[in-house]
Protein backbone atom coordinates (compact mmCIF):
# COMPACT_ATOMS: atom_id res chain seq x y z
CA UNK A 1 10.23 7.80 -4.30
CA UNK A 2 8.06 4.94 -3.09
CA UNK A 3 4.78 3.88 -4.65
CA UNK A 4 1.94 3.67 -2.17
CA UNK A 5 -1.16 1.69 -3.04
CA UNK A 6 -4.58 2.77 -1.78
CA UNK A 7 -7.86 0.97 -2.36
CA UNK A 8 -11.35 2.00 -1.27
CA UNK A 9 -12.91 -1.09 0.31
CA UNK A 10 -16.48 0.21 0.18
CA UNK A 11 -17.07 -1.05 3.73
CA UNK A 12 -17.50 1.27 6.71
CA UNK A 13 -15.37 -0.83 9.09
CA UNK A 14 -12.43 -3.21 8.59
CA UNK A 15 -14.64 -6.10 9.73
CA UNK A 16 -16.24 -5.81 6.26
CA UNK A 17 -19.70 -6.39 7.73
CA UNK A 18 -22.80 -5.08 6.05
CA UNK A 19 -23.24 -4.08 2.45
CA UNK A 20 -20.30 -2.98 0.35
CA UNK A 21 -20.79 0.37 -1.40
CA UNK A 22 -21.33 0.20 -5.13
CA UNK A 23 -18.42 0.94 -7.46
CA UNK A 24 -19.96 4.37 -8.14
CA UNK A 25 -19.64 5.19 -4.42
CA UNK A 26 -15.98 4.17 -4.05
CA UNK A 27 -12.86 6.10 -4.98
CA UNK A 28 -11.70 4.96 -8.44
CA UNK A 29 -14.61 2.48 -8.44
CA UNK A 30 -12.75 0.41 -5.84
CA UNK A 31 -9.71 -0.07 -8.11
CA UNK A 32 -6.25 0.47 -6.62
CA UNK A 33 -4.87 4.01 -6.79
CA UNK A 34 -1.08 4.21 -7.06
CA UNK A 35 0.63 7.35 -5.83
CA UNK A 36 4.27 8.35 -5.66
CA UNK A 37 4.99 9.51 -2.16
CA UNK A 38 7.31 12.39 -1.49
CA UNK A 39 6.84 12.27 2.28
CA UNK A 40 5.00 10.02 4.75
CA UNK A 41 4.68 11.42 8.28
CA UNK A 42 2.98 9.25 10.96
CA UNK A 43 2.11 10.58 14.42
CA UNK A 44 1.36 8.33 17.38
CA UNK A 45 0.77 9.58 20.90
CA UNK A 46 -0.60 8.54 24.26
CA UNK A 47 -2.95 10.68 26.31
CA UNK A 48 -1.05 11.37 29.52
CA UNK A 49 -2.30 13.53 32.37
CA UNK A 50 0.70 15.62 33.36
CA UNK A 51 -1.13 18.14 35.55
CA UNK A 52 0.81 18.94 38.72
CA UNK A 53 -0.62 18.44 42.17
CA UNK A 54 -1.27 21.76 43.86
CA UNK A 55 0.81 22.67 46.90
CA UNK A 56 3.71 20.26 46.29
CA UNK A 57 7.29 20.86 45.28
CA UNK A 58 7.95 17.39 43.87
CA UNK A 59 6.95 15.87 40.55
CA UNK A 60 3.39 14.53 40.39
CA UNK A 61 2.25 11.04 39.62
CA UNK A 62 1.44 10.62 35.93
CA UNK A 63 -1.90 9.09 35.02
CA UNK A 64 -1.78 7.06 31.82
CA UNK A 65 -4.56 7.59 29.32
CA UNK A 66 -5.47 5.68 26.22
CA UNK A 67 -3.38 5.36 23.09
CA UNK A 68 -4.70 7.61 20.34
CA UNK A 69 -5.17 6.25 16.84
CA UNK A 70 -2.12 6.91 14.69
CA UNK A 71 -2.57 9.90 12.43
CA UNK A 72 -0.53 10.50 9.30
CA UNK A 73 -0.01 12.69 6.29
CA UNK A 74 1.15 11.80 2.78
CA UNK A 75 2.65 14.63 0.78
CA UNK A 76 2.89 13.87 -2.92
CA UNK A 77 3.37 15.54 -6.30
CA UNK A 78 1.47 15.35 -9.57
CA UNK A 79 2.60 16.74 -12.91
CA UNK A 80 0.14 18.90 -14.82
CA UNK A 81 1.91 17.66 -17.98
CA UNK A 82 0.71 14.09 -17.30
CA UNK A 83 -2.87 13.13 -18.17
CA UNK A 84 -2.52 10.11 -15.87
CA UNK A 85 -1.53 12.31 -12.94
CA UNK A 86 -4.32 14.80 -13.61
CA UNK A 87 -6.93 12.01 -13.73
CA UNK A 88 -5.82 10.95 -10.23
CA UNK A 89 -7.03 14.24 -8.75
CA UNK A 90 -10.65 13.06 -8.97
CA UNK A 91 -9.78 9.80 -7.19
CA UNK A 92 -7.83 11.58 -4.48
CA UNK A 93 -10.79 13.87 -3.77
CA UNK A 94 -13.03 10.80 -3.58
CA UNK A 95 -10.74 9.28 -0.92
CA UNK A 96 -12.13 11.99 1.37
CA UNK A 97 -15.70 12.03 0.06
CA UNK A 98 -16.46 8.28 0.13
CA UNK A 99 -17.45 6.49 3.34
CA UNK A 100 -15.57 3.21 3.05
CA UNK A 101 -12.31 2.61 4.87
CA UNK A 102 -9.25 2.39 2.65
CA UNK A 103 -6.48 -0.19 2.52
CA UNK A 104 -3.05 1.41 2.24
CA UNK A 105 0.13 -0.55 1.59
CA UNK A 106 3.58 -0.52 0.14
CA UNK A 107 4.59 -3.53 -1.99
CA UNK A 108 7.91 -4.12 -0.31
CA UNK A 109 10.21 -6.83 -1.65
CA UNK A 110 13.12 -7.74 0.60
CA UNK A 111 15.19 -8.70 -2.43
CA UNK A 112 15.06 -5.18 -3.88
CA UNK A 113 17.35 -2.64 -2.20
CA UNK A 114 15.09 0.36 -1.74
CA UNK A 115 15.71 3.59 0.07
CA UNK A 116 12.35 5.32 0.23
CA UNK A 117 9.67 6.08 2.75
CA UNK A 118 7.22 3.46 1.46
CA UNK A 119 9.24 1.03 3.53
CA UNK A 120 8.12 2.95 6.66
CA UNK A 121 4.46 2.18 5.85
CA UNK A 122 5.44 -1.47 5.44
CA UNK A 123 7.21 -1.56 8.83
CA UNK A 124 4.27 0.11 10.60
CA UNK A 125 1.82 -2.32 8.95
CA UNK A 126 3.90 -5.26 10.23
CA UNK A 127 3.16 -4.15 13.83
CA UNK A 128 0.08 -6.10 14.92
CA UNK A 129 -1.37 -3.07 16.74
CA UNK A 130 -1.60 -1.09 13.50
CA UNK A 131 -1.72 -3.42 10.51
CA UNK A 132 -1.65 -6.99 9.28
CA UNK A 133 -1.39 -9.12 6.17
CA UNK A 134 -4.24 -9.22 3.71
CA UNK A 135 -6.13 -12.48 4.25
CA UNK A 136 -6.88 -14.78 1.32
CA UNK A 137 -10.60 -13.97 1.42
CA UNK A 138 -9.82 -10.22 1.36
CA UNK A 139 -7.39 -10.73 -1.53
CA UNK A 140 -10.16 -12.35 -3.49
CA UNK A 141 -12.84 -9.81 -2.51
CA UNK A 142 -10.62 -6.81 -3.32
CA UNK A 143 -8.76 -8.34 -6.32
CA UNK A 144 -5.35 -7.99 -4.68
CA UNK A 145 -2.62 -10.35 -5.85
CA UNK A 146 -0.44 -10.84 -2.77
CA UNK A 147 -0.59 -10.92 1.04
CA UNK A 148 0.88 -7.45 1.57
CA UNK A 149 1.02 -5.96 5.03
CA UNK A 150 -1.44 -3.07 5.02
CA UNK A 151 -3.08 -0.42 7.14
CA UNK A 152 -6.81 0.26 7.37
CA UNK A 153 -7.25 4.03 7.12
CA UNK A 154 -9.78 6.80 6.75
CA UNK A 155 -8.65 9.96 5.01
CA UNK A 156 -10.04 13.14 6.53
CA UNK A 157 -8.29 15.97 4.68
CA UNK A 158 -6.70 16.82 1.35
CA UNK A 159 -4.82 20.00 0.58
CA UNK A 160 -3.85 20.37 -3.09
CA UNK A 161 -1.77 23.39 -4.05
CA UNK A 162 -0.08 24.73 -7.15
CA UNK A 163 2.20 27.73 -7.39
CA UNK A 164 1.70 30.15 -10.26
CA UNK A 165 3.71 29.07 -13.29
CA UNK A 166 4.54 25.65 -11.82
CA UNK A 167 3.70 22.39 -13.60
CA UNK A 168 3.64 20.53 -10.27
CA UNK A 169 0.58 20.08 -8.06
CA UNK A 170 1.60 19.22 -4.50
CA UNK A 171 -1.03 17.73 -2.26
CA UNK A 172 -1.16 16.47 1.29
CA UNK A 173 -3.55 13.71 2.28
CA UNK A 174 -4.18 13.39 6.02
CA UNK A 175 -5.87 10.52 7.78
CA UNK A 176 -6.12 8.17 10.70
CA UNK A 177 -5.11 4.52 11.03
CA UNK A 178 -8.04 2.40 12.22
CA UNK A 179 -8.01 -0.26 14.90
CA UNK A 180 -6.97 -3.69 13.62
CA UNK A 181 -10.08 -5.87 13.31
CA UNK A 182 -10.60 -9.30 11.80
CA UNK A 183 -12.53 -9.39 8.55
CA UNK A 184 -15.76 -11.38 8.38
CA UNK A 185 -15.27 -12.05 4.66
């Protein structure tokens, strides 16, 4: 299982313009939240007009639309036997409730042989259309130690669930990857 790191920036947009939300108005006071990911599912699609032309018996010309923002879901598990896991529920709810965009990354090390889906987040973040490396000024502003490739995201849905008699809470966080923009910090 990969560890995914999420941090509430407190800024509305990835340009980091304007006033940063206070710690009280950021998930986990703006401190990194670490989650163990059971499943990461991204979805990227292009709007394509595939309507046929009336009165013809040949394929129609396709009109290309815009590229939609990548959407994703993270499905994870928490143990009700762990006080640390149970404390994370409040932070996960705040990921939806707070207004700031979130940084999401996987601390991938090429020297460590890993076989988990956190590496998929890393590979997507390396694509310049979807993510980039954390700049030195951002590292300082957000107290991050390394130049990890990351995604700027907004979470828009959380679905926690627990079966009767189970000590596992499964939750799915859904969100959208934001357009890559250069920070003004």
